[in-house]
């Protein structure tokens, strides 16, 4: 019976630790997104969040404050789109050829 209790406690501790780590990573990503500034170096985001989950090509628009009515066109300013994925949403950052932040977007699951 002691072994079963010990195993249950271990499973509970691991589950809570895993959830806590996930929540901290997500909060760090939200903070990095909220405090991002145009022209900021890609290195700043990498230092805070580590390597992204996905690296993609940029789309045809430059996003900054969510779903804008008429977002500016991407006329070649944005070259690399990186995503940090989470369960219900993802944070994305777009960078110029020089590694400067030119776009950001948060994907939300509805």
C-alpha atoms as a PDB file:
ATOM      1  CA  UNK A   1       0.000   0.000   0.000  1.00  0.00           C
ATOM      2  CA  UNK A   2       2.904   2.372   0.729  1.00  0.00           C
ATOM      3  CA  UNK A   3       4.286   1.825  -2.761  1.00  0.00           C
ATOM      4  CA  UNK A   4       0.937   2.722  -4.332  1.00  0.00           C
ATOM      5  CA  UNK A   5       0.706   5.915  -2.268  1.00  0.00           C
ATOM      6  CA  UNK A   6       4.291   6.828  -3.133  1.00  0.00           C
ATOM      7  CA  UNK A   7       3.613   6.265  -6.837  1.00  0.00           C
ATOM      8  CA  UNK A   8       0.447   8.375  -6.689  1.00  0.00           C
ATOM      9  CA  UNK A   9       2.332  11.186  -4.962  1.00  0.00           C
ATOM     10  CA  UNK A  10       5.108  10.998  -7.581  1.00  0.00           C
ATOM     11  CA  UNK A  11       2.606  11.125 -10.442  1.00  0.00           C
ATOM     12  CA  UNK A  12       0.815  14.078  -8.842  1.00  0.00           C
ATOM     13  CA  UNK A  13       4.079  15.971  -8.270  1.00  0.00           C
ATOM     14  CA  UNK A  14       5.208  15.355 -11.855  1.00  0.00           C
ATOM     15  CA  UNK A  15       1.841  16.440 -13.265  1.00  0.00           C
ATOM     16  CA  UNK A  16       1.749  19.630 -11.197  1.00  0.00           C
ATOM     17  CA  UNK A  17       5.373  20.412 -12.048  1.00  0.00           C
ATOM     18  CA  UNK A  18       4.731  19.914 -15.737  1.00  0.00           C
ATOM     19  CA  UNK A  19       1.649  22.157 -15.666  1.00  0.00           C
ATOM     20  CA  UNK A  20       3.541  24.786 -13.704  1.00  0.00           C
ATOM     21  CA  UNK A  21       6.418  24.792 -16.173  1.00  0.00           C
ATOM     22  CA  UNK A  22       3.993  25.099 -19.099  1.00  0.00           C
ATOM     23  CA  UNK A  23       2.163  28.002 -17.435  1.00  0.00           C
ATOM     24  CA  UNK A  24       5.434  29.817 -16.722  1.00  0.00           C
ATOM     25  CA  UNK A  25       6.587  29.378 -20.331  1.00  0.00           C
ATOM     26  CA  UNK A  26       3.245  30.657 -21.611  1.00  0.00           C
ATOM     27  CA  UNK A  27       3.311  33.665 -19.258  1.00  0.00           C
ATOM     28  CA  UNK A  28       6.861  34.480 -20.401  1.00  0.00           C
ATOM     29  CA  UNK A  29       5.744  34.332 -24.047  1.00  0.00           C
ATOM     30  CA  UNK A  30       2.764  36.611 -23.318  1.00  0.00           C
ATOM     31  CA  UNK A  31       5.014  39.113 -21.550  1.00  0.00           C
ATOM     32  CA  UNK A  32       7.550  39.055 -24.385  1.00  0.00           C
ATOM     33  CA  UNK A  33       4.759  39.608 -26.921  1.00  0.00           C
ATOM     34  CA  UNK A  34       3.186  42.452 -24.904  1.00  0.00           C
ATOM     35  CA  UNK A  35       6.517  44.243 -24.475  1.00  0.00           C
ATOM     36  CA  UNK A  36       7.799  43.748 -28.030  1.00  0.00           C
ATOM     37  CA  UNK A  37       8.819  46.913 -29.879  1.00  0.00           C
ATOM     38  CA  UNK A  38       9.185  47.570 -33.592  1.00  0.00           C
ATOM     39  CA  UNK A  39      12.816  47.273 -34.613  1.00  0.00           C
ATOM     40  CA  UNK A  40      13.716  45.135 -31.609  1.00  0.00           C
ATOM     41  CA  UNK A  41      16.437  42.553 -32.225  1.00  0.00           C
ATOM     42  CA  UNK A  42      15.449  38.918 -32.729  1.00  0.00           C
ATOM     43  CA  UNK A  43      18.119  38.055 -30.168  1.00  0.00           C
ATOM     44  CA  UNK A  44      16.032  39.625 -27.385  1.00  0.00           C
ATOM     45  CA  UNK A  45      13.115  37.272 -28.069  1.00  0.00           C
ATOM     46  CA  UNK A  46      15.450  34.285 -28.403  1.00  0.00           C
ATOM     47  CA  UNK A  47      17.042  35.062 -25.037  1.00  0.00           C
ATOM     48  CA  UNK A  48      13.623  35.199 -23.352  1.00  0.00           C
ATOM     49  CA  UNK A  49      11.817  32.345 -25.128  1.00  0.00           C
ATOM     50  CA  UNK A  50      14.474  30.140 -26.667  1.00  0.00           C
ATOM     51  CA  UNK A  51      14.135  28.591 -30.106  1.00  0.00           C
ATOM     52  CA  UNK A  52      10.681  28.863 -31.714  1.00  0.00           C
ATOM     53  CA  UNK A  53       8.407  25.895 -32.349  1.00  0.00           C
ATOM     54  CA  UNK A  54       8.037  26.822 -36.028  1.00  0.00           C
ATOM     55  CA  UNK A  55       9.903  28.970 -38.542  1.00  0.00           C
ATOM     56  CA  UNK A  56       7.826  29.973 -41.576  1.00  0.00           C
ATOM     57  CA  UNK A  57       7.759  32.480 -44.403  1.00  0.00           C
ATOM     58  CA  UNK A  58       5.986  35.753 -43.708  1.00  0.00           C
ATOM     59  CA  UNK A  59       2.508  36.345 -45.041  1.00  0.00           C
ATOM     60  CA  UNK A  60       1.290  39.216 -47.177  1.00  0.00           C
ATOM     61  CA  UNK A  61       0.479  41.585 -44.275  1.00  0.00           C
ATOM     62  CA  UNK A  62       2.366  43.148 -41.384  1.00  0.00           C
ATOM     63  CA  UNK A  63       0.441  42.657 -38.157  1.00  0.00           C
ATOM     64  CA  UNK A  64       0.961  44.482 -34.902  1.00  0.00           C
ATOM     65  CA  UNK A  65      -2.147  45.063 -32.787  1.00  0.00           C
ATOM     66  CA  UNK A  66      -4.226  41.992 -33.526  1.00  0.00           C
ATOM     67  CA  UNK A  67      -6.755  41.818 -36.319  1.00  0.00           C
ATOM     68  CA  UNK A  68      -6.593  45.273 -37.853  1.00  0.00           C
ATOM     69  CA  UNK A  69      -9.164  46.374 -40.417  1.00  0.00           C
ATOM     70  CA  UNK A  70      -6.531  47.343 -42.995  1.00  0.00           C
ATOM     71  CA  UNK A  71      -3.118  45.975 -42.019  1.00  0.00           C
ATOM     72  CA  UNK A  72      -0.194  47.255 -44.067  1.00  0.00           C
ATOM     73  CA  UNK A  73       1.081  45.049 -46.883  1.00  0.00           C
ATOM     74  CA  UNK A  74       4.319  43.164 -46.459  1.00  0.00           C
ATOM     75  CA  UNK A  75       6.415  44.644 -49.270  1.00  0.00           C
ATOM     76  CA  UNK A  76       9.405  42.486 -48.454  1.00  0.00           C
ATOM     77  CA  UNK A  77      10.071  43.916 -44.994  1.00  0.00           C
ATOM     78  CA  UNK A  78       9.187  40.656 -43.232  1.00  0.00           C
ATOM     79  CA  UNK A  79      11.344  37.685 -44.217  1.00  0.00           C
ATOM     80  CA  UNK A  80      10.971  35.218 -41.325  1.00  0.00           C
ATOM     81  CA  UNK A  81       7.874  34.353 -39.258  1.00  0.00           C
ATOM     82  CA  UNK A  82       8.443  32.401 -36.033  1.00  0.00           C
ATOM     83  CA  UNK A  83       5.803  30.836 -33.791  1.00  0.00           C
ATOM     84  CA  UNK A  84       5.754  29.792 -30.159  1.00  0.00           C
ATOM     85  CA  UNK A  85       2.819  27.378 -29.896  1.00  0.00           C
ATOM     86  CA  UNK A  86       0.638  26.704 -26.874  1.00  0.00           C
ATOM     87  CA  UNK A  87      -2.542  24.707 -26.289  1.00  0.00           C
ATOM     88  CA  UNK A  88      -5.119  27.431 -27.037  1.00  0.00           C
ATOM     89  CA  UNK A  89      -2.996  30.025 -28.809  1.00  0.00           C
ATOM     90  CA  UNK A  90       0.365  30.864 -30.344  1.00  0.00           C
ATOM     91  CA  UNK A  91       2.583  33.935 -30.351  1.00  0.00           C
ATOM     92  CA  UNK A  92       4.249  34.881 -33.636  1.00  0.00           C
ATOM     93  CA  UNK A  93       7.002  37.347 -34.463  1.00  0.00           C
ATOM     94  CA  UNK A  94       8.065  38.538 -37.921  1.00  0.00           C
ATOM     95  CA  UNK A  95      11.625  39.626 -38.628  1.00  0.00           C
ATOM     96  CA  UNK A  96      13.388  41.545 -41.377  1.00  0.00           C
ATOM     97  CA  UNK A  97      16.431  40.223 -43.209  1.00  0.00           C
ATOM     98  CA  UNK A  98      18.541  42.091 -40.624  1.00  0.00           C
ATOM     99  CA  UNK A  99      16.794  40.323 -37.716  1.00  0.00           C
ATOM    100  CA  UNK A 100      14.687  43.288 -36.600  1.00  0.00           C
ATOM    101  CA  UNK A 101      11.085  42.873 -35.428  1.00  0.00           C
ATOM    102  CA  UNK A 102       8.606  44.169 -38.016  1.00  0.00           C
ATOM    103  CA  UNK A 103       5.428  42.235 -37.174  1.00  0.00           C
ATOM    104  CA  UNK A 104       3.774  40.300 -34.361  1.00  0.00           C
ATOM    105  CA  UNK A 105       0.533  38.395 -33.961  1.00  0.00           C
ATOM    106  CA  UNK A 106      -1.228  36.239 -31.404  1.00  0.00           C
ATOM    107  CA  UNK A 107      -3.303  33.340 -32.728  1.00  0.00           C
ATOM    108  CA  UNK A 108      -6.269  32.513 -30.496  1.00  0.00           C
ATOM    109  CA  UNK A 109      -8.358  29.376 -30.617  1.00  0.00           C
ATOM    110  CA  UNK A 110     -12.071  30.089 -30.702  1.00  0.00           C
END
